[in-house]
Amino acid sequence: YIHFSIPSKNMMLVDIQEKLGIKKTKLCSISDTRWSCRFKNCKMVMEHYSSIIKVLKYEIEENTDKNVANAIGILYTMEKTSFLVHLFVLHEILLIINILSNKLQEK
């Protein structure tokens, strides 16, 4: 999340999504008390995985700023099979927590 909180990185992500013809979505701020933010970000990463990978690869190829080391680390982690497995498991857990959180907030 932190890497894409930089406005220029977030705009690159939106531009890639637009070029791929997919719905434009930004990562939202993480909150310690809002489970919905965590769920939305996890869902966004799942739905826009390919555009995130493309942005990271572009950033690494261009090598134009000091955050390249971060991009390399994030890309390395995201391309591991274990990351994808954990992402899907986390999504299912956060989905349940989000439903429960919403129900509790209704009362």
N, C-alpha and C. Protein backbone atom coordinates (compact mmCIF):
# COMPACT_ATOMS: atom_id res chain seq x y z
N TYR A 1 0.81 -1.20 0.00
CA TYR A 1 0.00 0.00 0.00
C TYR A 1 0.86 1.26 0.00
N ILE A 2 1.84 1.32 0.86
CA ILE A 2 2.62 2.55 1.04
C ILE A 2 3.28 2.97 -0.27
N HIS A 3 3.77 2.01 -1.03
CA HIS A 3 4.45 2.32 -2.29
C HIS A 3 3.50 3.08 -3.23
N PHE A 4 2.25 2.66 -3.30
CA PHE A 4 1.30 3.29 -4.21
C PHE A 4 0.56 4.47 -3.58
N SER A 5 0.92 4.84 -2.35
CA SER A 5 0.33 6.05 -1.75
C SER A 5 0.99 7.31 -2.30
N ILE A 6 2.14 7.15 -2.95
CA ILE A 6 2.81 8.28 -3.61
C ILE A 6 1.96 8.65 -4.83
N PRO A 7 1.52 9.90 -4.93
CA PRO A 7 0.60 10.29 -6.01
C PRO A 7 1.06 9.88 -7.42
N SER A 8 2.33 10.04 -7.73
CA SER A 8 2.81 9.70 -9.08
C SER A 8 2.69 8.20 -9.34
N LYS A 9 2.92 7.38 -8.33
CA LYS A 9 2.79 5.92 -8.48
C LYS A 9 1.32 5.53 -8.65
N ASN A 10 0.47 6.19 -7.89
CA ASN A 10 -0.95 5.91 -7.98
C ASN A 10 -1.49 6.30 -9.36
N MET A 11 -1.00 7.42 -9.90
CA MET A 11 -1.42 7.83 -11.24
C MET A 11 -0.94 6.85 -12.31
N MET A 12 0.29 6.33 -12.15
CA MET A 12 0.79 5.32 -13.09
C MET A 12 -0.11 4.10 -13.05
N LEU A 13 -0.54 3.70 -11.87
CA LEU A 13 -1.42 2.55 -11.72
C LEU A 13 -2.75 2.79 -12.43
N VAL A 14 -3.31 3.98 -12.25
CA VAL A 14 -4.57 4.32 -12.91
C VAL A 14 -4.39 4.36 -14.43
N ASP A 15 -3.27 4.91 -14.91
CA ASP A 15 -3.00 4.97 -16.35
C ASP A 15 -2.91 3.57 -16.95
N ILE A 16 -2.21 2.66 -16.28
CA ILE A 16 -2.08 1.28 -16.77
C ILE A 16 -3.45 0.61 -16.80
N GLN A 17 -4.26 0.83 -15.77
CA GLN A 17 -5.60 0.24 -15.74
C GLN A 17 -6.42 0.74 -16.93
N GLU A 18 -6.29 2.03 -17.22
CA GLU A 18 -7.01 2.61 -18.34
C GLU A 18 -6.56 1.99 -19.66
N LYS A 19 -5.24 1.82 -19.84
CA LYS A 19 -4.70 1.22 -21.06
C LYS A 19 -5.15 -0.23 -21.21
N LEU A 20 -5.30 -0.94 -20.09
CA LEU A 20 -5.75 -2.33 -20.13
C LEU A 20 -7.26 -2.44 -20.29
N GLY A 21 -7.95 -1.30 -20.22
CA GLY A 21 -9.40 -1.30 -20.38
C GLY A 21 -10.15 -1.86 -19.19
N ILE A 22 -9.55 -1.75 -18.01
CA ILE A 22 -10.22 -2.24 -16.81
C ILE A 22 -10.62 -1.06 -15.93
N LYS A 23 -11.56 -1.31 -15.03
CA LYS A 23 -12.06 -0.27 -14.14
C LYS A 23 -10.92 0.35 -13.34
N LYS A 24 -10.89 1.69 -13.33
CA LYS A 24 -9.84 2.40 -12.60
C LYS A 24 -10.16 2.37 -11.11
N THR A 25 -9.20 1.92 -10.32
CA THR A 25 -9.35 1.83 -8.87
C THR A 25 -8.05 2.24 -8.21
N LYS A 26 -8.15 2.95 -7.11
CA LYS A 26 -6.97 3.34 -6.33
C LYS A 26 -7.00 2.60 -5.01
N LEU A 27 -5.83 2.43 -4.43
CA LEU A 27 -5.74 1.86 -3.09
C LEU A 27 -6.20 2.92 -2.09
N CYS A 28 -6.94 2.50 -1.08
CA CYS A 28 -7.36 3.46 -0.05
C CYS A 28 -6.45 3.35 1.17
N SER A 29 -6.52 4.35 2.00
CA SER A 29 -5.67 4.38 3.19
C SER A 29 -6.04 3.25 4.15
N ILE A 30 -5.02 2.66 4.74
CA ILE A 30 -5.23 1.60 5.73
C ILE A 30 -5.54 2.25 7.07
N SER A 31 -6.54 1.73 7.74
CA SER A 31 -6.92 2.22 9.06
C SER A 31 -6.89 1.06 10.05
N ASP A 32 -6.39 1.34 11.24
CA ASP A 32 -6.34 0.30 12.28
C ASP A 32 -7.73 -0.13 12.72
N THR A 33 -8.71 0.75 12.57
CA THR A 33 -10.05 0.45 13.07
C THR A 33 -11.06 0.14 11.98
N ARG A 34 -10.72 0.31 10.74
CA ARG A 34 -11.65 0.07 9.63
C ARG A 34 -11.25 -1.17 8.84
N TRP A 35 -11.94 -2.26 9.08
CA TRP A 35 -11.65 -3.50 8.37
C TRP A 35 -12.03 -3.38 6.90
N SER A 36 -13.01 -2.53 6.60
CA SER A 36 -13.44 -2.40 5.21
C SER A 36 -12.31 -1.90 4.32
N CYS A 37 -11.42 -1.05 4.85
CA CYS A 37 -10.28 -0.55 4.06
C CYS A 37 -9.34 -1.69 3.69
N ARG A 38 -9.09 -2.56 4.65
CA ARG A 38 -8.21 -3.69 4.39
C ARG A 38 -8.84 -4.63 3.37
N PHE A 39 -10.14 -4.87 3.51
CA PHE A 39 -10.85 -5.74 2.57
C PHE A 39 -10.82 -5.13 1.17
N LYS A 40 -11.12 -3.84 1.06
CA LYS A 40 -11.14 -3.17 -0.24
C LYS A 40 -9.76 -3.21 -0.91
N ASN A 41 -8.70 -2.99 -0.14
CA ASN A 41 -7.36 -3.03 -0.71
C ASN A 41 -6.98 -4.44 -1.16
N CYS A 42 -7.33 -5.43 -0.37
CA CYS A 42 -7.04 -6.82 -0.74
C CYS A 42 -7.79 -7.17 -2.03
N LYS A 43 -9.05 -6.78 -2.09
CA LYS A 43 -9.86 -7.03 -3.29
C LYS A 43 -9.28 -6.31 -4.51
N MET A 44 -8.84 -5.07 -4.29
CA MET A 44 -8.25 -4.29 -5.38
C MET A 44 -6.99 -4.96 -5.91
N VAL A 45 -6.14 -5.46 -5.01
CA VAL A 45 -4.91 -6.13 -5.44
C VAL A 45 -5.26 -7.38 -6.25
N MET A 46 -6.28 -8.12 -5.82
CA MET A 46 -6.70 -9.31 -6.57
C MET A 46 -7.21 -8.95 -7.96
N GLU A 47 -8.07 -7.95 -8.02
CA GLU A 47 -8.71 -7.58 -9.28
C GLU A 47 -7.76 -6.88 -10.25
N HIS A 48 -6.75 -6.20 -9.72
CA HIS A 48 -5.86 -5.41 -10.57
C HIS A 48 -4.41 -5.88 -10.47
N TYR A 49 -4.25 -7.16 -10.20
CA TYR A 49 -2.92 -7.74 -10.03
C TYR A 49 -2.04 -7.46 -11.25
N SER A 50 -2.56 -7.70 -12.43
CA SER A 50 -1.75 -7.53 -13.65
C SER A 50 -1.31 -6.08 -13.85
N SER A 51 -2.18 -5.13 -13.55
CA SER A 51 -1.78 -3.73 -13.73
C SER A 51 -0.76 -3.31 -12.67
N ILE A 52 -0.85 -3.84 -11.47
CA ILE A 52 0.14 -3.54 -10.43
C ILE A 52 1.50 -4.08 -10.85
N ILE A 53 1.53 -5.30 -11.37
CA ILE A 53 2.78 -5.91 -11.84
C ILE A 53 3.38 -5.08 -12.97
N LYS A 54 2.54 -4.62 -13.90
CA LYS A 54 3.03 -3.81 -15.02
C LYS A 54 3.63 -2.49 -14.54
N VAL A 55 2.98 -1.85 -13.58
CA VAL A 55 3.49 -0.59 -13.05
C VAL A 55 4.84 -0.81 -12.38
N LEU A 56 4.95 -1.87 -11.60
CA LEU A 56 6.22 -2.16 -10.92
C LEU A 56 7.33 -2.44 -11.93
N LYS A 57 7.04 -3.23 -12.97
CA LYS A 57 8.04 -3.54 -14.00
C LYS A 57 8.45 -2.28 -14.75
N TYR A 58 7.47 -1.43 -15.06
CA TYR A 58 7.77 -0.17 -15.75
C TYR A 58 8.68 0.70 -14.90
N GLU A 59 8.34 0.80 -13.62
CA GLU A 59 9.14 1.61 -12.71
C GLU A 59 10.58 1.09 -12.62
N ILE A 60 10.73 -0.22 -12.58
CA ILE A 60 12.07 -0.82 -12.50
C ILE A 60 12.84 -0.57 -13.79
N GLU A 61 12.18 -0.73 -14.93
CA GLU A 61 12.84 -0.51 -16.23
C GLU A 61 13.27 0.94 -16.40
N GLU A 62 12.41 1.86 -15.98
CA GLU A 62 12.72 3.28 -16.12
C GLU A 62 13.79 3.73 -15.14
N ASN A 63 13.81 3.13 -13.96
CA ASN A 63 14.82 3.40 -12.94
C ASN A 63 15.03 4.90 -12.72
N THR A 64 13.91 5.62 -12.57
CA THR A 64 14.00 7.08 -12.50
C THR A 64 13.96 7.68 -11.10
N ASP A 65 13.66 6.89 -10.10
CA ASP A 65 13.62 7.49 -8.76
C ASP A 65 14.19 6.55 -7.70
N LYS A 66 14.24 7.05 -6.49
CA LYS A 66 14.86 6.32 -5.39
C LYS A 66 14.04 5.13 -4.90
N ASN A 67 12.81 5.00 -5.36
CA ASN A 67 11.93 3.93 -4.90
C ASN A 67 12.05 2.64 -5.72
N VAL A 68 13.03 2.57 -6.60
CA VAL A 68 13.21 1.39 -7.44
C VAL A 68 13.49 0.15 -6.58
N ALA A 69 14.26 0.31 -5.53
CA ALA A 69 14.55 -0.83 -4.65
C ALA A 69 13.27 -1.37 -4.03
N ASN A 70 12.37 -0.48 -3.64
CA ASN A 70 11.07 -0.91 -3.11
C ASN A 70 10.28 -1.66 -4.17
N ALA A 71 10.26 -1.12 -5.38
CA ALA A 71 9.52 -1.75 -6.47
C ALA A 71 10.06 -3.15 -6.76
N ILE A 72 11.38 -3.31 -6.74
CA ILE A 72 11.99 -4.62 -6.98
C ILE A 72 11.55 -5.61 -5.90
N GLY A 73 11.58 -5.17 -4.65
CA GLY A 73 11.17 -6.04 -3.54
C GLY A 73 9.70 -6.42 -3.61
N ILE A 74 8.85 -5.45 -3.92
CA ILE A 74 7.41 -5.72 -4.03
C ILE A 74 7.14 -6.67 -5.18
N LEU A 75 7.77 -6.42 -6.33
CA LEU A 75 7.58 -7.29 -7.49
C LEU A 75 8.03 -8.71 -7.20
N TYR A 76 9.19 -8.84 -6.58
CA TYR A 76 9.71 -10.16 -6.23
C TYR A 76 8.72 -10.91 -5.34
N THR A 77 8.18 -10.22 -4.35
CA THR A 77 7.23 -10.84 -3.43
C THR A 77 5.93 -11.19 -4.13
N MET A 78 5.41 -10.27 -4.94
CA MET A 78 4.11 -10.49 -5.58
C MET A 78 4.14 -11.58 -6.64
N GLU A 79 5.29 -11.86 -7.21
CA GLU A 79 5.37 -12.90 -8.24
C GLU A 79 5.55 -14.30 -7.68
N LYS A 80 5.68 -14.41 -6.37
CA LYS A 80 5.79 -15.73 -5.74
C LYS A 80 4.40 -16.38 -5.67
N THR A 81 4.36 -17.68 -5.85
CA THR A 81 3.11 -18.42 -5.74
C THR A 81 2.53 -18.29 -4.34
N SER A 82 3.38 -18.29 -3.34
CA SER A 82 2.90 -18.19 -1.96
C SER A 82 2.17 -16.87 -1.71
N PHE A 83 2.59 -15.80 -2.39
CA PHE A 83 1.89 -14.52 -2.24
C PHE A 83 0.46 -14.65 -2.73
N LEU A 84 0.28 -15.28 -3.88
CA LEU A 84 -1.07 -15.43 -4.44
C LEU A 84 -1.95 -16.29 -3.55
N VAL A 85 -1.38 -17.36 -3.01
CA VAL A 85 -2.14 -18.22 -2.11
C VAL A 85 -2.56 -17.43 -0.87
N HIS A 86 -1.61 -16.72 -0.28
CA HIS A 86 -1.92 -15.91 0.90
C HIS A 86 -2.94 -14.82 0.59
N LEU A 87 -2.84 -14.24 -0.59
CA LEU A 87 -3.78 -13.20 -1.00
C LEU A 87 -5.20 -13.74 -1.05
N PHE A 88 -5.39 -14.91 -1.65
CA PHE A 88 -6.72 -15.50 -1.75
C PHE A 88 -7.26 -15.89 -0.38
N VAL A 89 -6.42 -16.46 0.47
CA VAL A 89 -6.85 -16.83 1.82
C VAL A 89 -7.21 -15.58 2.62
N LEU A 90 -6.35 -14.57 2.55
CA LEU A 90 -6.61 -13.32 3.27
C LEU A 90 -7.90 -12.67 2.78
N HIS A 91 -8.14 -12.72 1.49
CA HIS A 91 -9.37 -12.15 0.94
C HIS A 91 -10.60 -12.82 1.54
N GLU A 92 -10.58 -14.13 1.62
CA GLU A 92 -11.72 -14.86 2.19
C GLU A 92 -11.92 -14.51 3.66
N ILE A 93 -10.84 -14.40 4.40
CA ILE A 93 -10.93 -14.04 5.83
C ILE A 93 -11.46 -12.62 5.98
N LEU A 94 -10.89 -11.69 5.21
CA LEU A 94 -11.33 -10.30 5.31
C LEU A 94 -12.77 -10.11 4.83
N LEU A 95 -13.21 -10.93 3.89
CA LEU A 95 -14.60 -10.88 3.43
C LEU A 95 -15.54 -11.19 4.59
N ILE A 96 -15.24 -12.24 5.34
CA ILE A 96 -16.07 -12.62 6.49
C ILE A 96 -16.03 -11.53 7.56
N ILE A 97 -14.83 -11.04 7.85
CA ILE A 97 -14.69 -9.98 8.86
C ILE A 97 -15.43 -8.72 8.42
N ASN A 98 -15.37 -8.39 7.14
CA ASN A 98 -16.06 -7.21 6.63
C ASN A 98 -17.57 -7.35 6.78
N ILE A 99 -18.09 -8.52 6.47
CA ILE A 99 -19.53 -8.76 6.62
C ILE A 99 -19.94 -8.60 8.08
N LEU A 100 -19.18 -9.24 8.97
CA LEU A 100 -19.47 -9.14 10.41
C LEU A 100 -19.36 -7.69 10.90
N SER A 101 -18.34 -7.00 10.47
CA SER A 101 -18.14 -5.61 10.87
C SER A 101 -19.31 -4.74 10.43
N ASN A 102 -19.75 -4.93 9.19
CA ASN A 102 -20.89 -4.15 8.68
C ASN A 102 -22.16 -4.46 9.45
N LYS A 103 -22.38 -5.72 9.78
CA LYS A 103 -23.57 -6.10 10.55
C LYS A 103 -23.54 -5.49 11.94
N LEU A 104 -22.38 -5.51 12.57
CA LEU A 104 -22.27 -4.93 13.91
C LEU A 104 -22.45 -3.41 13.89
N GLN A 105 -22.04 -2.77 12.83
CA GLN A 105 -22.19 -1.32 12.72
C GLN A 105 -23.64 -0.92 12.46
N GLU A 106 -24.43 -1.84 11.89
CA GLU A 106 -25.84 -1.54 11.62
C GLU A 106 -26.64 -1.39 12.91
N LYS A 107 -26.26 -2.11 13.94
CA LYS A 107 -27.06 -2.14 15.18
C LYS A 107 -26.77 -0.97 16.07
